[in-house]
Amino acid sequence: MNTYKRHRFPPDIISYAVWLYHRFNLSHRDIEDLLAERDIIFGSKAVRIWCRKFGAQYAHRLKRNHQGYGDTFFIDEAFVKIQGKPLNVPLNSYLNAMTPSLGRSSRTNCAAMVLRTVS
Protein backbone atom coordinates (compact mmCIF):
# COMPACT_ATOMS: atom_id res chain seq x y z
CA MET A 1 0.00 0.00 0.00
CA ASN A 2 1.36 3.41 -0.98
CA THR A 3 1.19 5.74 2.03
CA TYR A 4 2.02 8.75 -0.15
CA LYS A 5 -1.07 8.27 -2.32
CA ARG A 6 -3.19 11.39 -2.94
CA HIS A 7 -0.40 13.80 -2.03
CA ARG A 8 0.52 16.62 -4.36
CA PHE A 9 4.28 16.17 -4.10
CA PRO A 10 6.29 13.05 -4.90
CA PRO A 11 7.35 10.74 -2.05
CA ASP A 12 11.00 11.80 -2.35
CA ILE A 13 10.21 15.43 -1.54
CA ILE A 14 7.88 14.53 1.32
CA SER A 15 10.35 12.09 2.83
CA TYR A 16 13.20 14.61 2.49
CA ALA A 17 11.19 17.31 4.27
CA VAL A 18 10.22 14.97 7.11
CA TRP A 19 13.78 13.68 7.38
CA LEU A 20 15.10 17.26 7.66
CA TYR A 21 12.62 18.01 10.43
CA HIS A 22 13.51 14.97 12.53
CA ARG A 23 17.23 14.75 11.80
CA PHE A 24 18.28 18.38 12.24
CA ASN A 25 15.50 19.69 14.51
CA LEU A 26 14.51 22.43 12.07
CA SER A 27 11.27 24.37 12.20
CA HIS A 28 8.58 23.91 9.56
CA ARG A 29 9.36 27.35 8.12
CA ASP A 30 13.08 26.54 7.94
CA ILE A 31 12.29 23.46 5.88
CA GLU A 32 9.98 25.52 3.70
CA ASP A 33 12.79 28.03 3.09
CA LEU A 34 15.40 25.33 2.41
CA LEU A 35 13.28 23.65 -0.21
CA ALA A 36 12.16 26.98 -1.69
CA GLU A 37 15.82 27.61 -2.54
CA ARG A 38 15.58 24.48 -4.68
CA ASP A 39 12.41 25.78 -6.38
CA ILE A 40 10.09 23.47 -4.47
CA ILE A 41 7.31 25.71 -3.21
CA PHE A 42 4.84 24.65 -0.53
CA GLY A 43 3.58 25.97 2.78
CA SER A 44 4.81 25.25 6.26
CA LYS A 45 1.38 23.80 7.03
CA ALA A 46 2.11 21.02 4.53
CA VAL A 47 5.34 20.21 6.35
CA ARG A 48 3.46 20.11 9.65
CA ILE A 49 0.89 17.67 8.22
CA TRP A 50 3.60 15.50 6.67
CA CYS A 51 5.58 15.40 9.89
CA ARG A 52 2.53 14.41 11.86
CA LYS A 53 1.54 11.73 9.35
CA PHE A 54 4.93 10.24 8.44
CA GLY A 55 7.12 11.44 11.30
CA ALA A 56 6.84 8.41 13.55
CA GLN A 57 8.34 6.17 10.86
CA TYR A 58 11.33 8.45 10.31
CA ALA A 59 11.93 9.12 14.00
CA HIS A 60 11.88 5.38 14.72
CA ARG A 61 14.29 4.69 11.85
CA LEU A 62 16.68 7.47 12.92
CA LYS A 63 16.72 6.27 16.54
CA ARG A 64 17.35 2.70 15.43
CA ASN A 65 20.29 3.70 13.20
CA HIS A 66 21.80 6.05 15.80
CA GLN A 67 25.01 4.59 17.19
CA GLY A 68 24.94 6.65 20.36
CA TYR A 69 27.73 8.34 22.15
CA GLY A 70 30.17 6.76 24.55
CA ASP A 71 30.79 7.70 28.15
CA THR A 72 34.29 9.02 27.49
CA PHE A 73 35.41 11.85 25.28
CA PHE A 74 39.09 12.17 24.42
CA ILE A 75 40.43 15.65 23.85
CA ASP A 76 43.94 15.69 22.45
CA GLU A 77 44.47 19.34 21.74
CA ALA A 78 43.08 22.80 22.32
CA PHE A 79 42.98 25.83 20.09
CA VAL A 80 43.69 29.11 21.88
CA LYS A 81 44.44 32.65 20.82
CA ILE A 82 47.40 34.39 22.43
CA GLN A 83 48.11 37.94 21.29
CA GLY A 84 45.73 37.46 18.35
CA LYS A 85 47.55 34.41 16.96
CA PRO A 86 45.68 31.07 16.91
CA LEU A 87 47.77 28.31 18.46
CA ASN A 88 47.33 24.54 18.61
CA VAL A 89 48.29 23.32 22.09
CA PRO A 90 48.60 19.55 22.73
CA LEU A 91 47.11 18.68 26.10
CA ASN A 92 48.67 15.27 26.75
CA SER A 93 51.77 16.65 28.45
CA TYR A 94 49.76 19.07 30.59
CA LEU A 95 47.27 16.59 32.03
CA ASN A 96 49.73 15.44 34.68
CA ALA A 97 50.07 19.00 35.97
CA MET A 98 46.30 19.34 36.37
CA THR A 99 45.49 15.99 38.01
CA PRO A 100 47.14 16.26 41.49
CA SER A 101 44.67 18.82 42.75
CA LEU A 102 42.06 21.12 41.37
CA GLY A 103 43.31 24.09 43.34
CA ARG A 104 44.34 27.42 41.93
CA SER A 105 48.06 26.65 42.05
CA SER A 106 47.82 23.65 39.71
CA ARG A 107 45.80 25.66 37.21
CA THR A 108 48.29 28.50 37.22
CA ASN A 109 51.18 26.06 36.93
CA CYS A 110 49.52 24.43 33.96
CA ALA A 111 48.87 27.80 32.32
CA ALA A 112 52.50 28.80 32.90
CA MET A 113 53.66 25.55 31.27
CA VAL A 114 51.45 26.22 28.23
CA LEU A 115 52.76 29.75 27.85
CA ARG A 116 56.38 28.60 28.19
CA THR A 117 56.01 26.01 25.44
CA VAL A 118 54.10 28.28 23.10
CA SER A 119 56.42 31.26 23.30
C-alpha atoms as a PDB file:
ATOM      1  CA  MET A   1       0.000   0.000   0.000  1.00  0.00           C
ATOM      2  CA  ASN A   2       1.356   3.408  -0.978  1.00  0.00           C
ATOM      3  CA  THR A   3       1.188   5.741   2.025  1.00  0.00           C
ATOM      4  CA  TYR A   4       2.024   8.745  -0.154  1.00  0.00           C
ATOM      5  CA  LYS A   5      -1.067   8.273  -2.318  1.00  0.00           C
ATOM      6  CA  ARG A   6      -3.190  11.390  -2.937  1.00  0.00           C
ATOM      7  CA  HIS A   7      -0.401  13.796  -2.027  1.00  0.00           C
ATOM      8  CA  ARG A   8       0.515  16.625  -4.362  1.00  0.00           C
ATOM      9  CA  PHE A   9       4.281  16.174  -4.101  1.00  0.00           C
ATOM     10  CA  PRO A  10       6.290  13.051  -4.902  1.00  0.00           C
ATOM     11  CA  PRO A  11       7.348  10.741  -2.055  1.00  0.00           C
ATOM     12  CA  ASP A  12      11.001  11.800  -2.355  1.00  0.00           C
ATOM     13  CA  ILE A  13      10.212  15.425  -1.541  1.00  0.00           C
ATOM     14  CA  ILE A  14       7.880  14.525   1.317  1.00  0.00           C
ATOM     15  CA  SER A  15      10.349  12.092   2.834  1.00  0.00           C
ATOM     16  CA  TYR A  16      13.202  14.606   2.490  1.00  0.00           C
ATOM     17  CA  ALA A  17      11.194  17.308   4.272  1.00  0.00           C
ATOM     18  CA  VAL A  18      10.218  14.968   7.113  1.00  0.00           C
ATOM     19  CA  TRP A  19      13.784  13.684   7.376  1.00  0.00           C
ATOM     20  CA  LEU A  20      15.100  17.263   7.659  1.00  0.00           C
ATOM     21  CA  TYR A  21      12.623  18.006  10.428  1.00  0.00           C
ATOM     22  CA  HIS A  22      13.512  14.973  12.532  1.00  0.00           C
ATOM     23  CA  ARG A  23      17.226  14.748  11.795  1.00  0.00           C
ATOM     24  CA  PHE A  24      18.283  18.381  12.241  1.00  0.00           C
ATOM     25  CA  ASN A  25      15.504  19.687  14.513  1.00  0.00           C
ATOM     26  CA  LEU A  26      14.511  22.430  12.070  1.00  0.00           C
ATOM     27  CA  SER A  27      11.271  24.368  12.200  1.00  0.00           C
ATOM     28  CA  HIS A  28       8.585  23.913   9.557  1.00  0.00           C
ATOM     29  CA  ARG A  29       9.358  27.347   8.125  1.00  0.00           C
ATOM     30  CA  ASP A  30      13.081  26.545   7.944  1.00  0.00           C
ATOM     31  CA  ILE A  31      12.290  23.462   5.879  1.00  0.00           C
ATOM     32  CA  GLU A  32       9.977  25.516   3.697  1.00  0.00           C
ATOM     33  CA  ASP A  33      12.789  28.027   3.085  1.00  0.00           C
ATOM     34  CA  LEU A  34      15.403  25.334   2.405  1.00  0.00           C
ATOM     35  CA  LEU A  35      13.276  23.647  -0.215  1.00  0.00           C
ATOM     36  CA  ALA A  36      12.163  26.985  -1.689  1.00  0.00           C
ATOM     37  CA  GLU A  37      15.824  27.608  -2.544  1.00  0.00           C
ATOM     38  CA  ARG A  38      15.582  24.480  -4.680  1.00  0.00           C
ATOM     39  CA  ASP A  39      12.409  25.785  -6.381  1.00  0.00           C
ATOM     40  CA  ILE A  40      10.090  23.469  -4.465  1.00  0.00           C
ATOM     41  CA  ILE A  41       7.314  25.708  -3.207  1.00  0.00           C
ATOM     42  CA  PHE A  42       4.839  24.651  -0.532  1.00  0.00           C
ATOM     43  CA  GLY A  43       3.585  25.969   2.783  1.00  0.00           C
ATOM     44  CA  SER A  44       4.809  25.253   6.263  1.00  0.00           C
ATOM     45  CA  LYS A  45       1.378  23.795   7.029  1.00  0.00           C
ATOM     46  CA  ALA A  46       2.111  21.021   4.529  1.00  0.00           C
ATOM     47  CA  VAL A  47       5.343  20.205   6.355  1.00  0.00           C
ATOM     48  CA  ARG A  48       3.456  20.111   9.652  1.00  0.00           C
ATOM     49  CA  ILE A  49       0.893  17.675   8.215  1.00  0.00           C
ATOM     50  CA  TRP A  50       3.603  15.496   6.665  1.00  0.00           C
ATOM     51  CA  CYS A  51       5.584  15.396   9.891  1.00  0.00           C
ATOM     52  CA  ARG A  52       2.530  14.413  11.859  1.00  0.00           C
ATOM     53  CA  LYS A  53       1.537  11.729   9.353  1.00  0.00           C
ATOM     54  CA  PHE A  54       4.931  10.242   8.439  1.00  0.00           C
ATOM     55  CA  GLY A  55       7.120  11.442  11.303  1.00  0.00           C
ATOM     56  CA  ALA A  56       6.839   8.408  13.554  1.00  0.00           C
ATOM     57  CA  GLN A  57       8.340   6.165  10.856  1.00  0.00           C
ATOM     58  CA  TYR A  58      11.329   8.452  10.315  1.00  0.00           C
ATOM     59  CA  ALA A  59      11.926   9.121  13.997  1.00  0.00           C
ATOM     60  CA  HIS A  60      11.884   5.385  14.725  1.00  0.00           C
ATOM     61  CA  ARG A  61      14.287   4.694  11.850  1.00  0.00           C
ATOM     62  CA  LEU A  62      16.679   7.465  12.918  1.00  0.00           C
ATOM     63  CA  LYS A  63      16.721   6.267  16.536  1.00  0.00           C
ATOM     64  CA  ARG A  64      17.345   2.696  15.425  1.00  0.00           C
ATOM     65  CA  ASN A  65      20.294   3.703  13.205  1.00  0.00           C
ATOM     66  CA  HIS A  66      21.797   6.053  15.804  1.00  0.00           C
ATOM     67  CA  GLN A  67      25.008   4.590  17.191  1.00  0.00           C
ATOM     68  CA  GLY A  68      24.937   6.652  20.361  1.00  0.00           C
ATOM     69  CA  TYR A  69      27.728   8.341  22.147  1.00  0.00           C
ATOM     70  CA  GLY A  70      30.173   6.762  24.549  1.00  0.00           C
ATOM     71  CA  ASP A  71      30.786   7.702  28.145  1.00  0.00           C
ATOM     72  CA  THR A  72      34.288   9.016  27.486  1.00  0.00           C
ATOM     73  CA  PHE A  73      35.412  11.854  25.281  1.00  0.00           C
ATOM     74  CA  PHE A  74      39.090  12.169  24.423  1.00  0.00           C
ATOM     75  CA  ILE A  75      40.425  15.650  23.852  1.00  0.00           C
ATOM     76  CA  ASP A  76      43.943  15.693  22.452  1.00  0.00           C
ATOM     77  CA  GLU A  77      44.474  19.340  21.739  1.00  0.00           C
ATOM     78  CA  ALA A  78      43.084  22.798  22.324  1.00  0.00           C
ATOM     79  CA  PHE A  79      42.984  25.833  20.092  1.00  0.00           C
ATOM     80  CA  VAL A  80      43.693  29.108  21.884  1.00  0.00           C
ATOM     81  CA  LYS A  81      44.437  32.655  20.819  1.00  0.00           C
ATOM     82  CA  ILE A  82      47.396  34.395  22.426  1.00  0.00           C
ATOM     83  CA  GLN A  83      48.109  37.939  21.288  1.00  0.00           C
ATOM     84  CA  GLY A  84      45.730  37.462  18.352  1.00  0.00           C
ATOM     85  CA  LYS A  85      47.553  34.412  16.958  1.00  0.00           C
ATOM     86  CA  PRO A  86      45.679  31.067  16.915  1.00  0.00           C
ATOM     87  CA  LEU A  87      47.775  28.308  18.457  1.00  0.00           C
ATOM     88  CA  ASN A  88      47.334  24.543  18.610  1.00  0.00           C
ATOM     89  CA  VAL A  89      48.292  23.317  22.093  1.00  0.00           C
ATOM     90  CA  PRO A  90      48.597  19.548  22.734  1.00  0.00           C
ATOM     91  CA  LEU A  91      47.109  18.680  26.104  1.00  0.00           C
ATOM     92  CA  ASN A  92      48.670  15.267  26.752  1.00  0.00           C
ATOM     93  CA  SER A  93      51.767  16.647  28.446  1.00  0.00           C
ATOM     94  CA  TYR A  94      49.758  19.070  30.591  1.00  0.00           C
ATOM     95  CA  LEU A  95      47.275  16.587  32.026  1.00  0.00           C
ATOM     96  CA  ASN A  96      49.728  15.440  34.680  1.00  0.00           C
ATOM     97  CA  ALA A  97      50.073  18.998  35.970  1.00  0.00           C
ATOM     98  CA  MET A  98      46.303  19.338  36.368  1.00  0.00           C
ATOM     99  CA  THR A  99      45.486  15.989  38.013  1.00  0.00           C
ATOM    100  CA  PRO A 100      47.144  16.256  41.494  1.00  0.00           C
ATOM    101  CA  SER A 101      44.665  18.824  42.752  1.00  0.00           C
ATOM    102  CA  LEU A 102      42.055  21.122  41.373  1.00  0.00           C
ATOM    103  CA  GLY A 103      43.305  24.091  43.342  1.00  0.00           C
ATOM    104  CA  ARG A 104      44.342  27.416  41.930  1.00  0.00           C
ATOM    105  CA  SER A 105      48.061  26.650  42.047  1.00  0.00           C
ATOM    106  CA  SER A 106      47.816  23.653  39.708  1.00  0.00           C
ATOM    107  CA  ARG A 107      45.798  25.662  37.211  1.00  0.00           C
ATOM    108  CA  THR A 108      48.294  28.505  37.217  1.00  0.00           C
ATOM    109  CA  ASN A 109      51.184  26.056  36.932  1.00  0.00           C
ATOM    110  CA  CYS A 110      49.522  24.429  33.957  1.00  0.00           C
ATOM    111  CA  ALA A 111      48.874  27.805  32.325  1.00  0.00           C
ATOM    112  CA  ALA A 112      52.502  28.798  32.896  1.00  0.00           C
ATOM    113  CA  MET A 113      53.661  25.548  31.266  1.00  0.00           C
ATOM    114  CA  VAL A 114      51.447  26.216  28.234  1.00  0.00           C
ATOM    115  CA  LEU A 115      52.756  29.751  27.846  1.00  0.00           C
ATOM    116  CA  ARG A 116      56.375  28.602  28.190  1.00  0.00           C
ATOM    117  CA  THR A 117      56.011  26.008  25.441  1.00  0.00           C
ATOM    118  CA  VAL A 118      54.105  28.275  23.101  1.00  0.00           C
ATOM    119  CA  SER A 119      56.421  31.258  23.302  1.00  0.00           C
END
